[in-house]
């Protein structure tokens, strides 16, 4: 049989005889020496476990490793319940353990552990919830809404409300200029001259044509508030800073034999001569400075016009039925048409076509009687002609209104010509034959007649009136600074000039 060593038998005997003292009772010193059973080199709280010792490092294992009377002190972790499984825990539901219990995580950062879409780092959406747990609800996701008291769909900016969706009684803009009137908003139709900015555009309610000048009937100076081309200045002419040469200056510096005149945008006068030999066109400014363009010899300039875009001078050579266009200081012929004569002027030189021409911004030079008596043609500066309309008798003059509508005079009758179709409409008959005519800036028509009169047909008027009584026969022009200027044509001697301030 196997023998048990005496030392072991002795320990067994001692273990059976020694009784642990009751709690609170001082241990009884038996006088016997303790034995280090686990051979750790000292006595400890668990001599059966060599890893348990007062000098051991406490680890998280449910045992008092260092025999200090506490289990796992300082090495356990705190874990938080993650009820919604989003990886973030609820700080109000925690557990202390060595390892995370099932359904627990190490962080307590979930602000709503019942909703799996609410956690730090989540995308904030506009839903009334703090989705990303930053303490702010719907930051950056709400829209600003503005009160719409009159219910017209437009708001005003005195108060605001931030919300995900549009609250009742609110709009998404501040464009309403009167939130007490549903008929006033940016989408409303403007009713002019009632003192109400119905469409909230901030513009004057008395400037229907938006030319910056209120209607003459409502404190402004615009005589035609339906036409932005007619505004401001005196009697609706554009404001001009230039000064035209007065009659004395014109008479002092013009050549003999002047038959026509016109003005450019700088108030410089341009006059044409019809004399033996070479004909000329002079420019004369208010100081009397002149330049000279030389025409063809013995071609007899009957009328002139200016290109409103480029400023070039164009002339009709009445003696040969030709068109001349400025090239440098010369006026060479670019096209030759038919030859027609009238009989309305007492001066025979003026009865040779064409005694009147006009040019528009599209480059069309309007010439009467170009191919046949009674025709009105459009010629380009290259001399290409297109016939627009033909009348029953000689066409004396042509003029363009402020809209560049084409008008011609046949005897005493004023015709409007549709430049697109060539259709003609008789619009007025004057008391006498019309020799020359010109429109001013507000659409009023001034005519020289064989009755020794200058007459005016105001825009929209049903009848004309006497403007001035004159001597001889002449041509008319409008100066940009607001004057009607007349030259009494006298091809064999010095011409005389007269003028009237528009509106006078």
Protein backbone atom coordinates (compact mmCIF):
# COMPACT_ATOMS: atom_id res chain seq x y z
CA UNK A 1 0.00 0.00 0.00
CA UNK A 2 1.11 3.54 -0.45
CA UNK A 3 2.43 5.24 2.66
CA UNK A 4 1.51 8.84 3.44
CA UNK A 5 4.55 10.87 4.55
CA UNK A 6 4.51 11.90 8.21
CA UNK A 7 4.54 15.60 7.37
CA UNK A 8 1.33 15.27 5.35
CA UNK A 9 -0.32 13.31 8.08
CA UNK A 10 0.63 16.01 10.57
CA UNK A 11 -0.92 18.77 8.41
CA UNK A 12 -4.09 16.77 8.09
CA UNK A 13 -4.27 16.43 11.83
CA UNK A 14 -3.70 20.16 12.39
CA UNK A 15 -6.36 21.13 9.82
CA UNK A 16 -8.87 18.97 11.64
CA UNK A 17 -8.06 20.31 15.09
CA UNK A 18 -7.73 24.10 14.41
CA UNK A 19 -11.11 25.87 14.34
CA UNK A 20 -11.60 29.33 12.70
CA UNK A 21 -12.62 32.01 15.22
CA UNK A 22 -16.05 33.57 15.05
CA UNK A 23 -16.41 36.91 13.36
CA UNK A 24 -15.37 39.71 15.66
CA UNK A 25 -13.45 37.35 17.90
CA UNK A 26 -9.72 37.78 18.18
CA UNK A 27 -7.98 34.79 16.69
CA UNK A 28 -6.43 32.51 19.19
CA UNK A 29 -2.74 32.21 18.93
CA UNK A 30 -2.14 28.50 18.97
CA UNK A 31 1.54 28.98 19.08
CA UNK A 32 1.89 26.95 15.92
CA UNK A 33 3.62 28.37 12.78
CA UNK A 34 1.60 28.87 9.52
CA UNK A 35 2.66 26.91 6.49
CA UNK A 36 3.06 28.41 2.88
CA UNK A 37 1.25 25.67 1.01
CA UNK A 38 1.19 27.39 -2.50
CA UNK A 39 4.94 28.01 -2.23
CA UNK A 40 4.61 31.68 -3.28
CA UNK A 41 7.04 32.67 -0.65
CA UNK A 42 4.50 34.29 1.66
CA UNK A 43 1.20 33.60 3.25
CA UNK A 44 -1.91 34.87 1.23
CA UNK A 45 -5.70 34.81 1.12
CA UNK A 46 -5.87 31.72 -1.09
CA UNK A 47 -2.99 29.28 -0.47
CA UNK A 48 -4.59 26.93 -2.98
CA UNK A 49 -4.01 29.38 -5.91
CA UNK A 50 -0.42 30.32 -6.65
CA UNK A 51 -1.66 33.40 -8.69
CA UNK A 52 -3.25 34.93 -5.64
CA UNK A 53 -0.80 36.83 -3.53
CA UNK A 54 -0.66 40.23 -1.78
CA UNK A 55 1.90 41.36 -4.35
CA UNK A 56 -0.07 40.16 -7.38
CA UNK A 57 -1.54 42.51 -9.96
CA UNK A 58 -5.31 42.70 -9.80
CA UNK A 59 -6.88 41.52 -13.05
CA UNK A 60 -10.52 41.37 -14.01
CA UNK A 61 -11.41 37.73 -13.26
CA UNK A 62 -13.82 37.66 -10.32
CA UNK A 63 -11.00 36.93 -7.82
CA UNK A 64 -9.27 39.07 -5.19
CA UNK A 65 -5.88 38.62 -6.85
CA UNK A 66 -3.94 40.95 -4.54
CA UNK A 67 -5.63 39.90 -1.31
CA UNK A 68 -6.76 43.47 -0.44
CA UNK A 69 -10.27 42.31 0.35
CA UNK A 70 -11.73 43.71 -2.92
CA UNK A 71 -12.44 41.81 -6.10
CA UNK A 72 -11.41 43.28 -9.49
CA UNK A 73 -11.04 46.78 -8.03
CA UNK A 74 -9.89 49.35 -10.63
CA UNK A 75 -9.90 46.98 -13.56
CA UNK A 76 -13.61 46.54 -14.33
CA UNK A 77 -15.27 48.55 -17.13
CA UNK A 78 -18.55 50.45 -17.23
CA UNK A 79 -20.85 49.46 -20.08
CA UNK A 80 -24.07 51.07 -21.32
CA UNK A 81 -27.15 49.45 -22.67
CA UNK A 82 -27.57 49.76 -26.47
CA UNK A 83 -31.22 48.90 -26.74
CA UNK A 84 -31.64 50.04 -30.34
CA UNK A 85 -28.45 48.39 -31.59
CA UNK A 86 -26.99 51.48 -33.21
CA UNK A 87 -23.60 51.14 -31.47
CA UNK A 88 -24.25 53.92 -28.94
CA UNK A 89 -25.41 53.35 -25.34
CA UNK A 90 -27.84 54.90 -22.89
CA UNK A 91 -26.04 56.65 -20.03
CA UNK A 92 -28.98 55.98 -17.70
CA UNK A 93 -28.66 52.18 -18.05
CA UNK A 94 -25.16 50.96 -17.19
CA UNK A 95 -23.41 47.82 -15.90
CA UNK A 96 -19.93 47.29 -14.40
CA UNK A 97 -18.19 44.20 -15.70
CA UNK A 98 -14.93 42.86 -17.02
CA UNK A 99 -16.36 42.47 -20.48
CA UNK A 100 -19.36 44.08 -22.21
CA UNK A 101 -22.51 42.16 -21.44
CA UNK A 102 -24.66 41.30 -24.42
CA UNK A 103 -26.55 44.40 -25.63
CA UNK A 104 -24.11 46.81 -23.99
CA UNK A 105 -21.44 49.11 -25.44
CA UNK A 106 -18.65 51.20 -23.97
CA UNK A 107 -20.02 54.68 -24.86
CA UNK A 108 -23.05 56.48 -23.35
CA UNK A 109 -23.57 58.89 -26.25
CA UNK A 110 -27.02 57.88 -27.56
CA UNK A 111 -29.58 60.60 -26.92
CA UNK A 112 -32.50 58.29 -27.77
CA UNK A 113 -31.76 54.59 -27.28
CA UNK A 114 -35.18 53.61 -28.50
CA UNK A 115 -34.55 54.83 -32.09
CA UNK A 116 -31.82 53.20 -34.14
CA UNK A 117 -31.50 56.17 -36.52
CA UNK A 118 -30.67 58.60 -33.73
CA UNK A 119 -27.01 58.60 -32.67
CA UNK A 120 -23.87 60.75 -32.92
CA UNK A 121 -22.78 61.01 -36.55
CA UNK A 122 -26.23 60.37 -37.98
CA UNK A 123 -27.39 62.65 -40.82
CA UNK A 124 -29.59 65.41 -39.44
CA UNK A 125 -32.88 65.54 -41.31
CA UNK A 126 -35.75 67.94 -40.87
CA UNK A 127 -38.12 65.90 -38.69
CA UNK A 128 -38.31 67.59 -35.30
CA UNK A 129 -35.73 65.15 -33.84
CA UNK A 130 -32.10 65.65 -32.80
CA UNK A 131 -30.89 62.91 -35.17
CA UNK A 132 -27.15 63.41 -34.57
CA UNK A 133 -27.39 63.96 -30.78
CA UNK A 134 -25.59 67.31 -30.85
CA UNK A 135 -28.23 68.96 -28.69
CA UNK A 136 -29.76 70.93 -31.56
CA UNK A 137 -32.90 69.85 -33.38
CA UNK A 138 -33.00 70.06 -37.20
CA UNK A 139 -30.01 72.41 -37.44
CA UNK A 140 -29.48 73.49 -41.07
CA UNK A 141 -32.50 71.55 -42.23
CA UNK A 142 -35.34 73.93 -41.57
CA UNK A 143 -36.54 76.60 -43.96
CA UNK A 144 -37.41 80.16 -43.05
CA UNK A 145 -41.03 81.11 -43.64
CA UNK A 146 -42.60 84.56 -43.72
CA UNK A 147 -46.13 85.69 -42.80
CA UNK A 148 -48.61 85.85 -45.67
CA UNK A 149 -51.47 87.63 -43.97
CA UNK A 150 -53.46 88.34 -47.13
CA UNK A 151 -53.07 84.82 -48.52
CA UNK A 152 -51.80 85.86 -51.95
CA UNK A 153 -48.82 83.49 -51.85
CA UNK A 154 -46.24 86.19 -51.11
CA UNK A 155 -44.80 86.96 -47.67
CA UNK A 156 -43.39 89.97 -45.87
CA UNK A 157 -40.34 90.00 -43.66
CA UNK A 158 -41.39 91.51 -40.34
CA UNK A 159 -41.60 88.09 -38.64
CA UNK A 160 -40.15 84.69 -39.46
CA UNK A 161 -40.70 81.07 -38.51
CA UNK A 162 -38.28 78.20 -39.05
CA UNK A 163 -39.91 74.90 -39.87
CA UNK A 164 -39.42 71.80 -41.98
CA UNK A 165 -42.60 72.33 -43.97
CA UNK A 166 -44.60 75.40 -44.88
CA UNK A 167 -46.75 76.50 -41.95
CA UNK A 168 -50.28 77.61 -42.68
CA UNK A 169 -50.42 81.34 -43.38
CA UNK A 170 -46.77 81.59 -44.37
CA UNK A 171 -44.84 81.95 -47.65
CA UNK A 172 -41.24 81.28 -48.62
CA UNK A 173 -40.42 84.85 -49.75
CA UNK A 174 -40.60 88.47 -48.59
CA UNK A 175 -41.67 89.94 -51.92
CA UNK A 176 -45.09 91.26 -50.90
CA UNK A 177 -45.06 95.05 -50.62
CA UNK A 178 -48.54 95.18 -49.03
CA UNK A 179 -49.49 92.08 -47.03
CA UNK A 180 -52.89 93.52 -46.20
CA UNK A 181 -54.08 93.51 -49.83
CA UNK A 182 -54.20 90.27 -51.80
CA UNK A 183 -54.41 92.19 -55.09
CA UNK A 184 -50.97 93.67 -54.48
CA UNK A 185 -48.09 91.26 -55.06
CA UNK A 186 -45.28 90.59 -57.57
CA UNK A 187 -47.60 88.50 -59.73
CA UNK A 188 -50.32 91.11 -60.02
CA UNK A 189 -50.99 93.16 -63.14
CA UNK A 190 -50.04 96.81 -62.74
CA UNK A 191 -52.88 99.31 -62.94
CA UNK A 192 -51.25 102.58 -63.95
CA UNK A 193 -51.87 105.94 -62.36
CA UNK A 194 -53.86 104.73 -59.33
CA UNK A 195 -51.00 105.43 -56.93
CA UNK A 196 -50.60 101.75 -56.01
CA UNK A 197 -47.53 99.67 -56.86
CA UNK A 198 -49.68 96.64 -57.67
CA UNK A 199 -46.83 94.40 -58.88
CA UNK A 200 -44.38 95.45 -56.15
CA UNK A 201 -41.58 96.27 -58.60
CA UNK A 202 -40.77 99.53 -56.86
CA UNK A 203 -41.18 101.54 -60.07
CA UNK A 204 -43.22 104.68 -60.36
CA UNK A 205 -46.93 104.08 -60.87
CA UNK A 206 -46.95 107.11 -63.18
CA UNK A 207 -44.33 105.89 -65.68
CA UNK A 208 -46.13 103.29 -67.79
CA UNK A 209 -43.49 103.17 -70.53
CA UNK A 210 -40.63 102.79 -68.02
CA UNK A 211 -38.53 105.51 -69.60
CA UNK A 212 -37.73 107.12 -66.26
CA UNK A 213 -40.05 110.08 -66.81
CA UNK A 214 -43.49 110.25 -65.19
CA UNK A 215 -46.51 111.12 -67.26
CA UNK A 216 -47.09 114.78 -67.99
CA UNK A 217 -50.57 114.35 -66.49
CA UNK A 218 -49.14 113.11 -63.20
CA UNK A 219 -46.34 115.49 -62.34
CA UNK A 220 -43.75 114.38 -64.90
CA UNK A 221 -42.67 115.70 -68.27
CA UNK A 222 -43.51 112.69 -70.45
CA UNK A 223 -46.05 113.72 -73.07
CA UNK A 224 -46.54 110.13 -74.27
CA UNK A 225 -46.28 107.66 -71.42
CA UNK A 226 -47.00 104.74 -73.75
CA UNK A 227 -43.86 105.30 -75.80
CA UNK A 228 -40.40 105.09 -74.18
CA UNK A 229 -38.86 106.85 -77.18
CA UNK A 230 -40.65 110.06 -76.26
CA UNK A 231 -39.81 111.54 -72.90
CA UNK A 232 -38.22 114.30 -70.91
CA UNK A 233 -36.72 117.57 -71.92
CA UNK A 234 -38.92 120.36 -73.24
CA UNK A 235 -42.08 119.23 -75.01
CA UNK A 236 -40.97 115.61 -74.93
CA UNK A 237 -37.77 115.95 -76.89
CA UNK A 238 -34.65 114.15 -75.56
CA UNK A 239 -32.46 116.34 -73.40
CA UNK A 240 -29.60 117.72 -75.48
CA UNK A 241 -26.41 119.41 -74.38
CA UNK A 242 -25.52 120.76 -77.83
CA UNK A 243 -26.44 124.06 -79.49
CA UNK A 244 -27.39 124.40 -83.14
CA UNK A 245 -26.12 127.28 -85.32
CA UNK A 246 -28.68 130.07 -85.31
CA UNK A 247 -30.05 131.65 -88.52
CA UNK A 248 -27.44 134.40 -88.48
CA UNK A 249 -24.59 131.91 -88.28
CA UNK A 250 -26.09 129.72 -90.99
CA UNK A 251 -26.54 132.67 -93.34
CA UNK A 252 -23.00 133.88 -92.68
CA UNK A 253 -21.25 130.61 -93.46
CA UNK A 254 -23.40 128.78 -95.98
CA UNK A 255 -22.66 128.92 -99.72
CA UNK A 256 -25.04 130.32 -102.30
CA UNK A 257 -27.72 128.07 -103.71
CA UNK A 258 -28.72 126.12 -100.58
CA UNK A 259 -31.70 123.85 -101.28
CA UNK A 260 -31.91 121.60 -98.23
CA UNK A 261 -30.65 121.23 -94.64
CA UNK A 262 -30.62 118.73 -91.81
CA UNK A 263 -28.96 118.35 -88.39
CA UNK A 264 -26.87 115.59 -86.87
CA UNK A 265 -27.07 114.47 -83.22
CA UNK A 266 -24.40 117.04 -82.26
CA UNK A 267 -26.56 119.95 -83.52
CA UNK A 268 -24.26 120.48 -86.52
CA UNK A 269 -26.17 121.70 -89.58
CA UNK A 270 -25.59 120.11 -93.00
CA UNK A 271 -26.68 122.14 -96.05
CA UNK A 272 -26.67 121.19 -99.75
CA UNK A 273 -26.23 123.45 -102.81
CA UNK A 274 -27.57 123.30 -106.32
CA UNK A 275 -25.44 125.59 -108.50
CA UNK A 276 -23.67 125.47 -111.83
CA UNK A 277 -20.59 123.34 -111.79
CA UNK A 278 -19.74 121.16 -108.79
CA UNK A 279 -22.32 120.95 -106.02
CA UNK A 280 -21.34 120.92 -102.35
CA UNK A 281 -22.50 119.88 -98.91
CA UNK A 282 -21.37 122.08 -96.02
CA UNK A 283 -21.38 121.31 -92.32
CA UNK A 284 -21.77 124.34 -90.03
CA UNK A 285 -21.55 124.25 -86.24
CA UNK A 286 -22.73 126.88 -83.77
CA UNK A 287 -19.36 128.66 -83.89
CA UNK A 288 -19.38 128.85 -87.67
CA UNK A 289 -16.77 126.15 -88.29
CA UNK A 290 -17.34 124.40 -91.59
CA UNK A 291 -16.30 121.34 -93.54
CA UNK A 292 -17.01 120.78 -97.21
CA UNK A 293 -17.95 117.68 -99.18
CA UNK A 294 -17.69 117.93 -102.97
CA UNK A 295 -20.37 116.47 -105.20
CA UNK A 296 -20.48 115.59 -108.87
CA UNK A 297 -20.28 118.47 -111.38
CA UNK A 298 -23.61 119.69 -112.79
CA UNK A 299 -25.61 116.85 -111.20
CA UNK A 300 -27.73 119.28 -109.16
CA UNK A 301 -28.14 118.14 -105.55
CA UNK A 302 -31.85 118.35 -104.74
CA UNK A 303 -31.90 117.01 -101.19
CA UNK A 304 -29.75 115.37 -98.54
CA UNK A 305 -30.04 113.08 -95.52
CA UNK A 306 -27.71 111.65 -92.87
CA UNK A 307 -27.14 108.02 -91.99
CA UNK A 308 -28.48 107.92 -88.38
CA UNK A 309 -26.06 105.13 -87.52
CA UNK A 310 -22.78 105.93 -89.25
CA UNK A 311 -23.31 109.64 -89.96
CA UNK A 312 -22.50 109.47 -93.69
CA UNK A 313 -24.11 112.03 -96.00
CA UNK A 314 -26.38 110.83 -98.80
CA UNK A 315 -27.71 113.08 -101.55
CA UNK A 316 -30.11 112.92 -104.45
CA UNK A 317 -28.71 114.24 -107.71
CA UNK A 318 -31.95 115.67 -109.08
CA UNK A 319 -30.52 116.66 -112.45
CA UNK A 320 -29.65 113.08 -113.42
CA UNK A 321 -31.91 111.02 -111.15
CA UNK A 322 -29.01 109.53 -109.17
CA UNK A 323 -28.01 108.68 -105.59
CA UNK A 324 -24.71 109.88 -104.12
CA UNK A 325 -23.14 108.48 -100.95
CA UNK A 326 -20.27 110.06 -99.04
CA UNK A 327 -16.82 108.55 -99.56
CA UNK A 328 -14.32 110.65 -97.66
CA UNK A 329 -14.73 114.24 -98.81
CA UNK A 330 -16.55 113.26 -102.03
CA UNK A 331 -20.12 112.32 -102.91
CA UNK A 332 -19.83 109.83 -105.80
CA UNK A 333 -22.83 108.35 -107.60
CA UNK A 334 -23.69 104.81 -106.48
CA UNK A 335 -26.90 104.30 -108.49
CA UNK A 336 -28.94 105.97 -111.22
CA UNK A 337 -32.71 105.66 -111.50
CA UNK A 338 -35.41 107.21 -113.61
CA UNK A 339 -35.94 110.91 -114.22
CA UNK A 340 -39.18 112.49 -113.09
CA UNK A 341 -40.33 116.07 -112.71
CA UNK A 342 -43.08 117.68 -110.70
CA UNK A 343 -44.67 121.09 -110.90
CA UNK A 344 -45.43 122.13 -107.34
CA UNK A 345 -42.48 124.48 -106.75
CA UNK A 346 -42.30 127.88 -108.40
CA UNK A 347 -38.54 127.37 -108.54
CA UNK A 348 -38.00 125.02 -111.46
CA UNK A 349 -34.80 123.58 -109.97
CA UNK A 350 -36.86 122.11 -107.13
CA UNK A 351 -39.31 120.37 -109.44
CA UNK A 352 -36.75 117.77 -110.47
CA UNK A 353 -36.81 114.50 -108.52
CA UNK A 354 -35.93 113.94 -105.83
CA UNK A 355 -36.49 117.03 -103.75
CA UNK A 356 -36.76 114.98 -100.57
CA UNK A 357 -35.00 111.86 -99.20
CA UNK A 358 -34.75 110.18 -95.78
CA UNK A 359 -32.59 107.41 -94.25
CA UNK A 360 -33.44 105.02 -91.41
CA UNK A 361 -31.34 103.04 -88.93
CA UNK A 362 -31.72 99.87 -91.01
CA UNK A 363 -29.73 101.51 -93.80
CA UNK A 364 -32.67 102.13 -96.10
CA UNK A 365 -32.54 105.40 -98.12
CA UNK A 366 -36.10 106.36 -99.04
CA UNK A 367 -36.32 108.18 -102.40
CA UNK A 368 -39.52 109.29 -104.19
CA UNK A 369 -40.08 108.82 -107.94
CA UNK A 370 -36.93 106.69 -108.31
CA UNK A 371 -38.02 104.35 -111.06
CA UNK A 372 -41.36 105.85 -112.12
CA UNK A 373 -43.40 108.92 -111.25
CA UNK A 374 -45.22 108.32 -107.97
CA UNK A 375 -43.00 105.52 -106.67
CA UNK A 376 -41.30 105.28 -103.27
CA UNK A 377 -38.15 103.14 -103.19
CA UNK A 378 -35.66 101.89 -100.63
CA UNK A 379 -32.03 102.08 -101.77
CA UNK A 380 -28.99 100.77 -99.96
CA UNK A 381 -25.71 102.69 -99.85
CA UNK A 382 -24.49 100.19 -102.44
CA UNK A 383 -27.25 101.39 -104.79
CA UNK A 384 -29.53 98.35 -104.63
CA UNK A 385 -33.12 99.54 -105.08
CA UNK A 386 -36.38 97.96 -103.92
CA UNK A 387 -39.70 99.52 -104.90
CA UNK A 388 -42.13 99.66 -102.01
CA UNK A 389 -45.24 101.38 -103.38
CA UNK A 390 -46.52 103.47 -106.28
CA UNK A 391 -48.99 106.37 -106.10
CA UNK A 392 -51.15 107.91 -108.78
CA UNK A 393 -49.09 111.06 -109.18
CA UNK A 394 -45.81 112.73 -108.28
CA UNK A 395 -44.55 112.19 -104.71
CA UNK A 396 -43.13 115.45 -103.40
CA UNK A 397 -41.66 114.53 -100.02
CA UNK A 398 -40.85 111.64 -97.69
CA UNK A 399 -40.37 111.66 -93.88
CA UNK A 400 -39.88 109.14 -91.08
CA UNK A 401 -41.56 109.53 -87.70
CA UNK A 402 -39.92 108.73 -84.35
CA UNK A 403 -40.74 105.04 -84.89
CA UNK A 404 -39.29 105.18 -88.43
CA UNK A 405 -42.69 104.64 -90.02
CA UNK A 406 -42.62 105.86 -93.62
CA UNK A 407 -44.84 108.78 -94.70
CA UNK A 408 -45.02 110.45 -98.11
CA UNK A 409 -46.92 113.44 -99.47
CA UNK A 410 -48.76 113.27 -102.80
CA UNK A 411 -50.21 116.70 -103.49
CA UNK A 412 -51.99 117.71 -100.27
CA UNK A 413 -52.47 114.12 -99.07
CA UNK A 414 -50.35 112.46 -96.41
CA UNK A 415 -49.88 108.71 -96.81
CA UNK A 416 -48.48 106.09 -94.47
CA UNK A 417 -46.61 103.27 -96.20
CA UNK A 418 -46.31 99.82 -94.63
CA UNK A 419 -42.64 99.04 -95.11
CA UNK A 420 -43.29 95.31 -94.79
CA UNK A 421 -46.12 94.95 -97.32
CA UNK A 422 -46.09 98.20 -99.31
CA UNK A 423 -49.71 98.85 -98.37
CA UNK A 424 -50.62 102.55 -98.37
CA UNK A 425 -53.08 104.39 -96.12
CA UNK A 426 -54.23 107.98 -96.62
CA UNK A 427 -54.06 109.49 -93.12
CA UNK A 428 -54.68 113.20 -93.66
CA UNK A 429 -55.29 115.93 -96.24
CA UNK A 430 -53.82 119.41 -95.72
CA UNK A 431 -55.37 122.65 -97.03
CA UNK A 432 -52.58 123.06 -99.65
CA UNK A 433 -50.01 120.99 -101.50
CA UNK A 434 -47.20 119.79 -99.23
CA UNK A 435 -43.71 120.78 -100.41
CA UNK A 436 -41.68 119.45 -97.48
CA UNK A 437 -42.32 117.86 -94.08
CA UNK A 438 -40.53 116.73 -90.94
CA UNK A 439 -41.49 114.96 -87.69
CA UNK A 440 -40.30 116.23 -84.33
CA UNK A 441 -39.37 114.11 -81.31
CA UNK A 442 -42.92 113.81 -80.01
CA UNK A 443 -44.45 112.71 -83.29
CA UNK A 444 -45.84 116.09 -84.35
CA UNK A 445 -45.62 116.70 -88.10
CA UNK A 446 -44.58 120.08 -89.51
CA UNK A 447 -45.26 120.75 -93.21
CA UNK A 448 -44.36 123.51 -95.66
CA UNK A 449 -47.22 124.11 -98.09
CA UNK A 450 -47.81 126.05 -101.27
CA UNK A 451 -50.05 128.36 -99.23
CA UNK A 452 -47.07 130.22 -97.77
CA UNK A 453 -47.53 128.46 -94.44
CA UNK A 454 -45.87 126.10 -92.08
CA UNK A 455 -48.61 123.95 -90.57
CA UNK A 456 -48.49 121.42 -87.75
CA UNK A 457 -50.41 118.18 -87.30
CA UNK A 458 -50.03 117.22 -83.66
CA UNK A 459 -49.62 113.54 -82.92
CA UNK A 460 -53.06 112.01 -82.52
CA UNK A 461 -54.88 115.22 -83.48
CA UNK A 462 -57.88 115.12 -85.78
CA UNK A 463 -56.89 118.30 -87.63
CA UNK A 464 -53.86 120.46 -88.31
CA UNK A 465 -53.28 124.11 -87.47
CA UNK A 466 -51.29 127.08 -88.73
CA UNK A 467 -47.85 127.19 -87.15
CA UNK A 468 -46.22 130.10 -89.02
CA UNK A 469 -46.68 132.25 -92.09
CA UNK A 470 -43.61 132.29 -94.35
CA UNK A 471 -42.35 133.87 -97.54
CA UNK A 472 -41.05 131.98 -100.52
CA UNK A 473 -40.68 128.20 -100.48
CA UNK A 474 -38.45 126.27 -98.15
CA UNK A 475 -37.27 123.07 -96.47
CA UNK A 476 -37.68 122.16 -92.80
CA UNK A 477 -35.44 120.43 -90.27
CA UNK A 478 -35.48 119.67 -86.52
CA UNK A 479 -32.43 120.64 -84.42
CA UNK A 480 -31.74 118.29 -81.47
CA UNK A 481 -31.83 121.15 -78.97
CA UNK A 482 -35.51 121.75 -79.72
CA UNK A 483 -35.90 124.05 -82.72
CA UNK A 484 -37.73 123.89 -86.02
CA UNK A 485 -35.40 125.45 -88.61
CA UNK A 486 -36.39 126.53 -92.11
CA UNK A 487 -34.26 127.48 -95.10
CA UNK A 488 -35.87 129.49 -97.88
CA UNK A 489 -34.44 127.77 -100.89
CA UNK A 490 -32.85 130.10 -103.46
CA UNK A 491 -30.56 128.22 -105.79
CA UNK A 492 -29.16 131.36 -107.46
CA UNK A 493 -28.50 133.56 -104.43
CA UNK A 494 -27.94 133.54 -100.70
CA UNK A 495 -30.50 131.61 -98.71
CA UNK A 496 -32.34 132.91 -95.68
CA UNK A 497 -33.12 131.03 -92.49
CA UNK A 498 -35.72 131.22 -89.73
CA UNK A 499 -36.36 129.14 -86.62
CA UNK A 500 -38.94 128.45 -83.92
CA UNK A 501 -38.47 126.89 -80.52
CA UNK A 502 -40.54 123.75 -80.38
CA UNK A 503 -43.64 124.30 -78.32
CA UNK A 504 -43.52 128.01 -79.07
